[in-house]
Each structure stands twice: as structure tokens, then as C-alpha cells.
Amino acid sequence: MDEGKFNITIRQFLKEVGITAQREIETAVREAIRAGHLTGTEKLAATMTLEIGAIRLTHVVSGKIELA
């Protein structure tokens, strides 16, 4: 295994996950506020699940996203 290549591709994948996840969250929250489903002061429980089937990895990260 090429450790350097492995490390770089993991970082690239995680960067893409972070950027796209943030964009999706921002869009969904703004739409929910516009639709009246959120006031904009909530603390939202969030869960992110990473799965890599080939190595039977499932990793869950939970936290809160505060809107105000």
C-alpha cells in the first residue's frame, strides 16, 4: 500500500464530504426557515454515518448544529 497516496485520497474524500454536507445543511435549514418549519433559533441534532462496505466499516458521528 502507498501510504502517501492513501492519506491524500482520504483527505480529498473528507474534504468533499465536508464541503457538500455543509452546502446541503445550509440549503435545507434556509428552506425550512422560509417554509416556517424552523424559527432560526433551534439546536438541531445531527448524525453523520460513514460506511465503507468493502472493509465493513460503519462510523457514526453525532452532534448539534446551533442556529443562533
PDB file of N, CA and C in Angstrom:
ATOM      1  N   MET A   1       0.854  -1.179   0.000  1.00  0.00           N
ATOM      2  CA  MET A   1       0.000   0.000   0.000  1.00  0.00           C
ATOM      3  C   MET A   1       0.897   1.238   0.000  1.00  0.00           C
ATOM      4  N   ASP A   2       0.501   2.225  -0.777  1.00  0.00           N
ATOM      5  CA  ASP A   2       1.207   3.504  -0.839  1.00  0.00           C
ATOM      6  C   ASP A   2       0.595   4.429   0.216  1.00  0.00           C
ATOM      7  N   GLU A   3       1.279   4.580   1.346  1.00  0.00           N
ATOM      8  CA  GLU A   3       0.756   5.372   2.467  1.00  0.00           C
ATOM      9  C   GLU A   3       0.473   6.816   2.077  1.00  0.00           C
ATOM     10  N   GLY A   4       1.346   7.399   1.268  1.00  0.00           N
ATOM     11  CA  GLY A   4       1.152   8.782   0.840  1.00  0.00           C
ATOM     12  C   GLY A   4      -0.114   8.946   0.015  1.00  0.00           C
ATOM     13  N   LYS A   5      -0.296   8.087  -0.972  1.00  0.00           N
ATOM     14  CA  LYS A   5      -1.490   8.116  -1.825  1.00  0.00           C
ATOM     15  C   LYS A   5      -2.743   7.868  -0.998  1.00  0.00           C
ATOM     16  N   PHE A   6      -2.658   6.899  -0.095  1.00  0.00           N
ATOM     17  CA  PHE A   6      -3.773   6.552   0.783  1.00  0.00           C
ATOM     18  C   PHE A   6      -4.192   7.777   1.596  1.00  0.00           C
ATOM     19  N   ASN A   7      -3.233   8.430   2.223  1.00  0.00           N
ATOM     20  CA  ASN A   7      -3.512   9.601   3.051  1.00  0.00           C
ATOM     21  C   ASN A   7      -4.116  10.741   2.237  1.00  0.00           C
ATOM     22  N   ILE A   8      -3.567  10.998   1.072  1.00  0.00           N
ATOM     23  CA  ILE A   8      -4.065  12.082   0.216  1.00  0.00           C
ATOM     24  C   ILE A   8      -5.497  11.819  -0.232  1.00  0.00           C
ATOM     25  N   THR A   9      -5.789  10.593  -0.640  1.00  0.00           N
ATOM     26  CA  THR A   9      -7.152  10.312  -1.123  1.00  0.00           C
ATOM     27  C   THR A   9      -8.171  10.323   0.010  1.00  0.00           C
ATOM     28  N   ILE A  10      -7.773   9.914   1.213  1.00  0.00           N
ATOM     29  CA  ILE A  10      -8.680  10.039   2.360  1.00  0.00           C
ATOM     30  C   ILE A  10      -8.995  11.500   2.603  1.00  0.00           C
ATOM     31  N   ARG A  11      -7.968  12.340   2.618  1.00  0.00           N
ATOM     32  CA  ARG A  11      -8.172  13.780   2.849  1.00  0.00           C
ATOM     33  C   ARG A  11      -9.041  14.406   1.766  1.00  0.00           C
ATOM     34  N   GLN A  12      -8.834  14.015   0.511  1.00  0.00           N
ATOM     35  CA  GLN A  12      -9.665  14.537  -0.583  1.00  0.00           C
ATOM     36  C   GLN A  12     -11.124  14.131  -0.400  1.00  0.00           C
ATOM     37  N   PHE A  13     -11.344  12.884  -0.030  1.00  0.00           N
ATOM     38  CA  PHE A  13     -12.701  12.401   0.192  1.00  0.00           C
ATOM     39  C   PHE A  13     -13.360  13.167   1.339  1.00  0.00           C
ATOM     40  N   LEU A  14     -12.659  13.307   2.454  1.00  0.00           N
ATOM     41  CA  LEU A  14     -13.223  14.002   3.610  1.00  0.00           C
ATOM     42  C   LEU A  14     -13.474  15.482   3.320  1.00  0.00           C
ATOM     43  N   LYS A  15     -12.623  16.099   2.526  1.00  0.00           N
ATOM     44  CA  LYS A  15     -12.846  17.494   2.136  1.00  0.00           C
ATOM     45  C   LYS A  15     -14.134  17.607   1.317  1.00  0.00           C
ATOM     46  N   GLU A  16     -14.315  16.710   0.364  1.00  0.00           N
ATOM     47  CA  GLU A  16     -15.533  16.702  -0.455  1.00  0.00           C
ATOM     48  C   GLU A  16     -16.766  16.467   0.404  1.00  0.00           C
ATOM     49  N   VAL A  17     -16.680  15.530   1.345  1.00  0.00           N
ATOM     50  CA  VAL A  17     -17.793  15.273   2.259  1.00  0.00           C
ATOM     51  C   VAL A  17     -18.126  16.533   3.042  1.00  0.00           C
ATOM     52  N   GLY A  18     -17.111  17.175   3.601  1.00  0.00           N
ATOM     53  CA  GLY A  18     -17.327  18.374   4.404  1.00  0.00           C
ATOM     54  C   GLY A  18     -17.961  19.507   3.623  1.00  0.00           C
ATOM     55  N   ILE A  19     -17.451  19.754   2.439  1.00  0.00           N
ATOM     56  CA  ILE A  19     -17.960  20.855   1.611  1.00  0.00           C
ATOM     57  C   ILE A  19     -19.397  20.580   1.174  1.00  0.00           C
ATOM     58  N   THR A  20     -19.661  19.389   0.666  1.00  0.00           N
ATOM     59  CA  THR A  20     -21.009  19.107   0.177  1.00  0.00           C
ATOM     60  C   THR A  20     -22.013  18.990   1.319  1.00  0.00           C
ATOM     61  N   ALA A  21     -21.602  18.418   2.448  1.00  0.00           N
ATOM     62  CA  ALA A  21     -22.511  18.304   3.592  1.00  0.00           C
ATOM     63  C   ALA A  21     -22.879  19.689   4.117  1.00  0.00           C
ATOM     64  N   GLN A  22     -21.899  20.579   4.222  1.00  0.00           N
ATOM     65  CA  GLN A  22     -22.197  21.936   4.696  1.00  0.00           C
ATOM     66  C   GLN A  22     -23.173  22.637   3.768  1.00  0.00           C
ATOM     67  N   ARG A  23     -22.955  22.504   2.476  1.00  0.00           N
ATOM     68  CA  ARG A  23     -23.832  23.127   1.488  1.00  0.00           C
ATOM     69  C   ARG A  23     -25.264  22.593   1.609  1.00  0.00           C
ATOM     70  N   GLU A  24     -25.407  21.292   1.761  1.00  0.00           N
ATOM     71  CA  GLU A  24     -26.728  20.680   1.886  1.00  0.00           C
ATOM     72  C   GLU A  24     -27.431  21.108   3.174  1.00  0.00           C
ATOM     73  N   ILE A  25     -26.692  21.161   4.267  1.00  0.00           N
ATOM     74  CA  ILE A  25     -27.279  21.592   5.544  1.00  0.00           C
ATOM     75  C   ILE A  25     -27.739  23.036   5.443  1.00  0.00           C
ATOM     76  N   GLU A  26     -26.890  23.909   4.925  1.00  0.00           N
ATOM     77  CA  GLU A  26     -27.250  25.329   4.800  1.00  0.00           C
ATOM     78  C   GLU A  26     -28.500  25.506   3.948  1.00  0.00           C
ATOM     79  N   THR A  27     -28.558  24.809   2.835  1.00  0.00           N
ATOM     80  CA  THR A  27     -29.718  24.914   1.943  1.00  0.00           C
ATOM     81  C   THR A  27     -30.983  24.427   2.638  1.00  0.00           C
ATOM     82  N   ALA A  28     -30.908  23.279   3.286  1.00  0.00           N
ATOM     83  CA  ALA A  28     -32.079  22.706   3.947  1.00  0.00           C
ATOM     84  C   ALA A  28     -32.562  23.576   5.104  1.00  0.00           C
ATOM     85  N   VAL A  29     -31.636  24.138   5.878  1.00  0.00           N
ATOM     86  CA  VAL A  29     -32.023  24.995   7.008  1.00  0.00           C
ATOM     87  C   VAL A  29     -32.676  26.269   6.495  1.00  0.00           C
ATOM     88  N   ARG A  30     -32.081  26.888   5.493  1.00  0.00           N
ATOM     89  CA  ARG A  30     -32.669  28.123   4.950  1.00  0.00           C
ATOM     90  C   ARG A  30     -34.075  27.871   4.400  1.00  0.00           C
ATOM     91  N   GLU A  31     -34.256  26.753   3.707  1.00  0.00           N
ATOM     92  CA  GLU A  31     -35.571  26.413   3.165  1.00  0.00           C
ATOM     93  C   GLU A  31     -36.568  26.141   4.289  1.00  0.00           C
ATOM     94  N   ALA A  32     -36.143  25.456   5.330  1.00  0.00           N
ATOM     95  CA  ALA A  32     -37.029  25.171   6.462  1.00  0.00           C
ATOM     96  C   ALA A  32     -37.444  26.456   7.175  1.00  0.00           C
ATOM     97  N   ILE A  33     -36.543  27.410   7.264  1.00  0.00           N
ATOM     98  CA  ILE A  33     -36.884  28.705   7.869  1.00  0.00           C
ATOM     99  C   ILE A  33     -37.884  29.437   6.983  1.00  0.00           C
ATOM    100  N   ARG A  34     -37.618  29.461   5.674  1.00  0.00           N
ATOM    101  CA  ARG A  34     -38.549  30.115   4.735  1.00  0.00           C
ATOM    102  C   ARG A  34     -39.941  29.491   4.783  1.00  0.00           C
ATOM    103  N   ALA A  35     -39.984  28.167   4.939  1.00  0.00           N
ATOM    104  CA  ALA A  35     -41.258  27.453   4.953  1.00  0.00           C
ATOM    105  C   ALA A  35     -41.961  27.526   6.314  1.00  0.00           C
ATOM    106  N   GLY A  36     -41.280  28.081   7.305  1.00  0.00           N
ATOM    107  CA  GLY A  36     -41.868  28.204   8.626  1.00  0.00           C
ATOM    108  C   GLY A  36     -41.728  26.972   9.509  1.00  0.00           C
ATOM    109  N   HIS A  37     -40.915  26.005   9.072  1.00  0.00           N
ATOM    110  CA  HIS A  37     -40.701  24.794   9.871  1.00  0.00           C
ATOM    111  C   HIS A  37     -39.676  25.010  10.974  1.00  0.00           C
ATOM    112  N   LEU A  38     -38.829  26.016  10.810  1.00  0.00           N
ATOM    113  CA  LEU A  38     -37.846  26.396  11.820  1.00  0.00           C
ATOM    114  C   LEU A  38     -37.960  27.898  12.053  1.00  0.00           C
ATOM    115  N   THR A  39     -37.597  28.326  13.258  1.00  0.00           N
ATOM    116  CA  THR A  39     -37.610  29.763  13.553  1.00  0.00           C
ATOM    117  C   THR A  39     -36.242  30.399  13.331  1.00  0.00           C
ATOM    118  N   GLY A  40     -35.203  29.574  13.355  1.00  0.00           N
ATOM    119  CA  GLY A  40     -33.845  30.090  13.211  1.00  0.00           C
ATOM    120  C   GLY A  40     -33.118  30.182  14.536  1.00  0.00           C
ATOM    121  N   THR A  41     -33.722  29.668  15.594  1.00  0.00           N
ATOM    122  CA  THR A  41     -33.090  29.706  16.915  1.00  0.00           C
ATOM    123  C   THR A  41     -32.852  28.300  17.477  1.00  0.00           C
ATOM    124  N   GLU A  42     -33.161  27.283  16.710  1.00  0.00           N
ATOM    125  CA  GLU A  42     -33.081  25.902  17.186  1.00  0.00           C
ATOM    126  C   GLU A  42     -31.637  25.407  17.324  1.00  0.00           C
ATOM    127  N   LYS A  43     -31.547  24.311  18.076  1.00  0.00           N
ATOM    128  CA  LYS A  43     -30.342  23.488  18.115  1.00  0.00           C
ATOM    129  C   LYS A  43     -30.760  22.172  17.470  1.00  0.00           C
ATOM    130  N   LEU A  44     -30.157  21.844  16.351  1.00  0.00           N
ATOM    131  CA  LEU A  44     -30.555  20.666  15.584  1.00  0.00           C
ATOM    132  C   LEU A  44     -29.628  19.490  15.869  1.00  0.00           C
ATOM    133  N   ALA A  45     -30.207  18.366  16.267  1.00  0.00           N
ATOM    134  CA  ALA A  45     -29.427  17.145  16.431  1.00  0.00           C
ATOM    135  C   ALA A  45     -29.046  16.649  15.036  1.00  0.00           C
ATOM    136  N   ALA A  46     -27.790  16.278  14.880  1.00  0.00           N
ATOM    137  CA  ALA A  46     -27.309  15.810  13.575  1.00  0.00           C
ATOM    138  C   ALA A  46     -26.501  14.531  13.748  1.00  0.00           C
ATOM    139  N   THR A  47     -26.608  13.669  12.757  1.00  0.00           N
ATOM    140  CA  THR A  47     -25.842  12.428  12.745  1.00  0.00           C
ATOM    141  C   THR A  47     -25.261  12.233  11.351  1.00  0.00           C
ATOM    142  N   MET A  48     -23.996  11.894  11.291  1.00  0.00           N
ATOM    143  CA  MET A  48     -23.325  11.593  10.029  1.00  0.00           C
ATOM    144  C   MET A  48     -22.829  10.161  10.112  1.00  0.00           C
ATOM    145  N   THR A  49     -23.138   9.373   9.092  1.00  0.00           N
ATOM    146  CA  THR A  49     -22.704   7.976   9.067  1.00  0.00           C
ATOM    147  C   THR A  49     -21.771   7.757   7.885  1.00  0.00           C
ATOM    148  N   LEU A  50     -20.603   7.237   8.171  1.00  0.00           N
ATOM    149  CA  LEU A  50     -19.629   6.877   7.145  1.00  0.00           C
ATOM    150  C   LEU A  50     -19.667   5.367   6.993  1.00  0.00           C
ATOM    151  N   GLU A  51     -19.824   4.906   5.771  1.00  0.00           N
ATOM    152  CA  GLU A  51     -19.827   3.471   5.515  1.00  0.00           C
ATOM    153  C   GLU A  51     -18.864   3.143   4.382  1.00  0.00           C
ATOM    154  N   ILE A  52     -18.048   2.138   4.594  1.00  0.00           N
ATOM    155  CA  ILE A  52     -17.192   1.582   3.546  1.00  0.00           C
ATOM    156  C   ILE A  52     -17.430   0.083   3.569  1.00  0.00           C
ATOM    157  N   GLY A  53     -18.283  -0.357   2.648  1.00  0.00           N
ATOM    158  CA  GLY A  53     -18.720  -1.749   2.637  1.00  0.00           C
ATOM    159  C   GLY A  53     -17.601  -2.763   2.480  1.00  0.00           C
ATOM    160  N   ALA A  54     -16.612  -2.448   1.655  1.00  0.00           N
ATOM    161  CA  ALA A  54     -15.550  -3.416   1.361  1.00  0.00           C
ATOM    162  C   ALA A  54     -14.737  -3.801   2.592  1.00  0.00           C
ATOM    163  N   ILE A  55     -14.710  -2.916   3.590  1.00  0.00           N
ATOM    164  CA  ILE A  55     -13.962  -3.231   4.816  1.00  0.00           C
ATOM    165  C   ILE A  55     -14.883  -3.319   6.039  1.00  0.00           C
ATOM    166  N   ARG A  56     -16.179  -3.361   5.758  1.00  0.00           N
ATOM    167  CA  ARG A  56     -17.187  -3.486   6.811  1.00  0.00           C
ATOM    168  C   ARG A  56     -17.038  -2.412   7.892  1.00  0.00           C
ATOM    169  N   LEU A  57     -16.823  -1.182   7.441  1.00  0.00           N
ATOM    170  CA  LEU A  57     -16.685  -0.054   8.363  1.00  0.00           C
ATOM    171  C   LEU A  57     -17.971   0.754   8.389  1.00  0.00           C
ATOM    172  N   THR A  58     -18.478   0.987   9.577  1.00  0.00           N
ATOM    173  CA  THR A  58     -19.564   1.921   9.798  1.00  0.00           C
ATOM    174  C   THR A  58     -19.144   2.780  10.978  1.00  0.00           C
ATOM    175  N   HIS A  59     -19.105   4.093  10.765  1.00  0.00           N
ATOM    176  CA  HIS A  59     -18.692   5.015  11.814  1.00  0.00           C
ATOM    177  C   HIS A  59     -19.726   6.130  11.887  1.00  0.00           C
ATOM    178  N   VAL A  60     -20.272   6.364  13.090  1.00  0.00           N
ATOM    179  CA  VAL A  60     -21.319   7.349  13.284  1.00  0.00           C
ATOM    180  C   VAL A  60     -20.780   8.485  14.154  1.00  0.00           C
ATOM    181  N   VAL A  61     -21.018   9.709  13.702  1.00  0.00           N
ATOM    182  CA  VAL A  61     -20.663  10.899  14.467  1.00  0.00           C
ATOM    183  C   VAL A  61     -21.948  11.667  14.719  1.00  0.00           C
ATOM    184  N   SER A  62     -22.202  12.011  15.984  1.00  0.00           N
ATOM    185  CA  SER A  62     -23.407  12.760  16.336  1.00  0.00           C
ATOM    186  C   SER A  62     -23.019  14.076  16.991  1.00  0.00           C
ATOM    187  N   GLY A  63     -23.863  15.062  16.804  1.00  0.00           N
ATOM    188  CA  GLY A  63     -23.616  16.360  17.417  1.00  0.00           C
ATOM    189  C   GLY A  63     -24.814  17.267  17.271  1.00  0.00           C
ATOM    190  N   LYS A  64     -24.626  18.525  17.567  1.00  0.00           N
ATOM    191  CA  LYS A  64     -25.689  19.512  17.450  1.00  0.00           C
ATOM    192  C   LYS A  64     -25.215  20.660  16.574  1.00  0.00           C
ATOM    193  N   ILE A  65     -26.152  21.210  15.816  1.00  0.00           N
ATOM    194  CA  ILE A  65     -25.901  22.393  14.992  1.00  0.00           C
ATOM    195  C   ILE A  65     -26.792  23.492  15.559  1.00  0.00           C
ATOM    196  N   GLU A  66     -26.167  24.543  16.051  1.00  0.00           N
ATOM    197  CA  GLU A  66     -26.917  25.652  16.654  1.00  0.00           C
ATOM    198  C   GLU A  66     -27.153  26.744  15.623  1.00  0.00           C
ATOM    199  N   LEU A  67     -28.399  27.171  15.521  1.00  0.00           N
ATOM    200  CA  LEU A  67     -28.756  28.195  14.529  1.00  0.00           C
ATOM    201  C   LEU A  67     -28.620  29.604  15.086  1.00  0.00           C
ATOM    202  N   ALA A  68     -28.591  29.750  16.391  1.00  0.00           N
ATOM    203  CA  ALA A  68     -28.443  31.081  16.984  1.00  0.00           C
ATOM    204  C   ALA A  68     -27.623  30.967  18.251  1.00  0.00           C
TER     205      ALA A  68
END
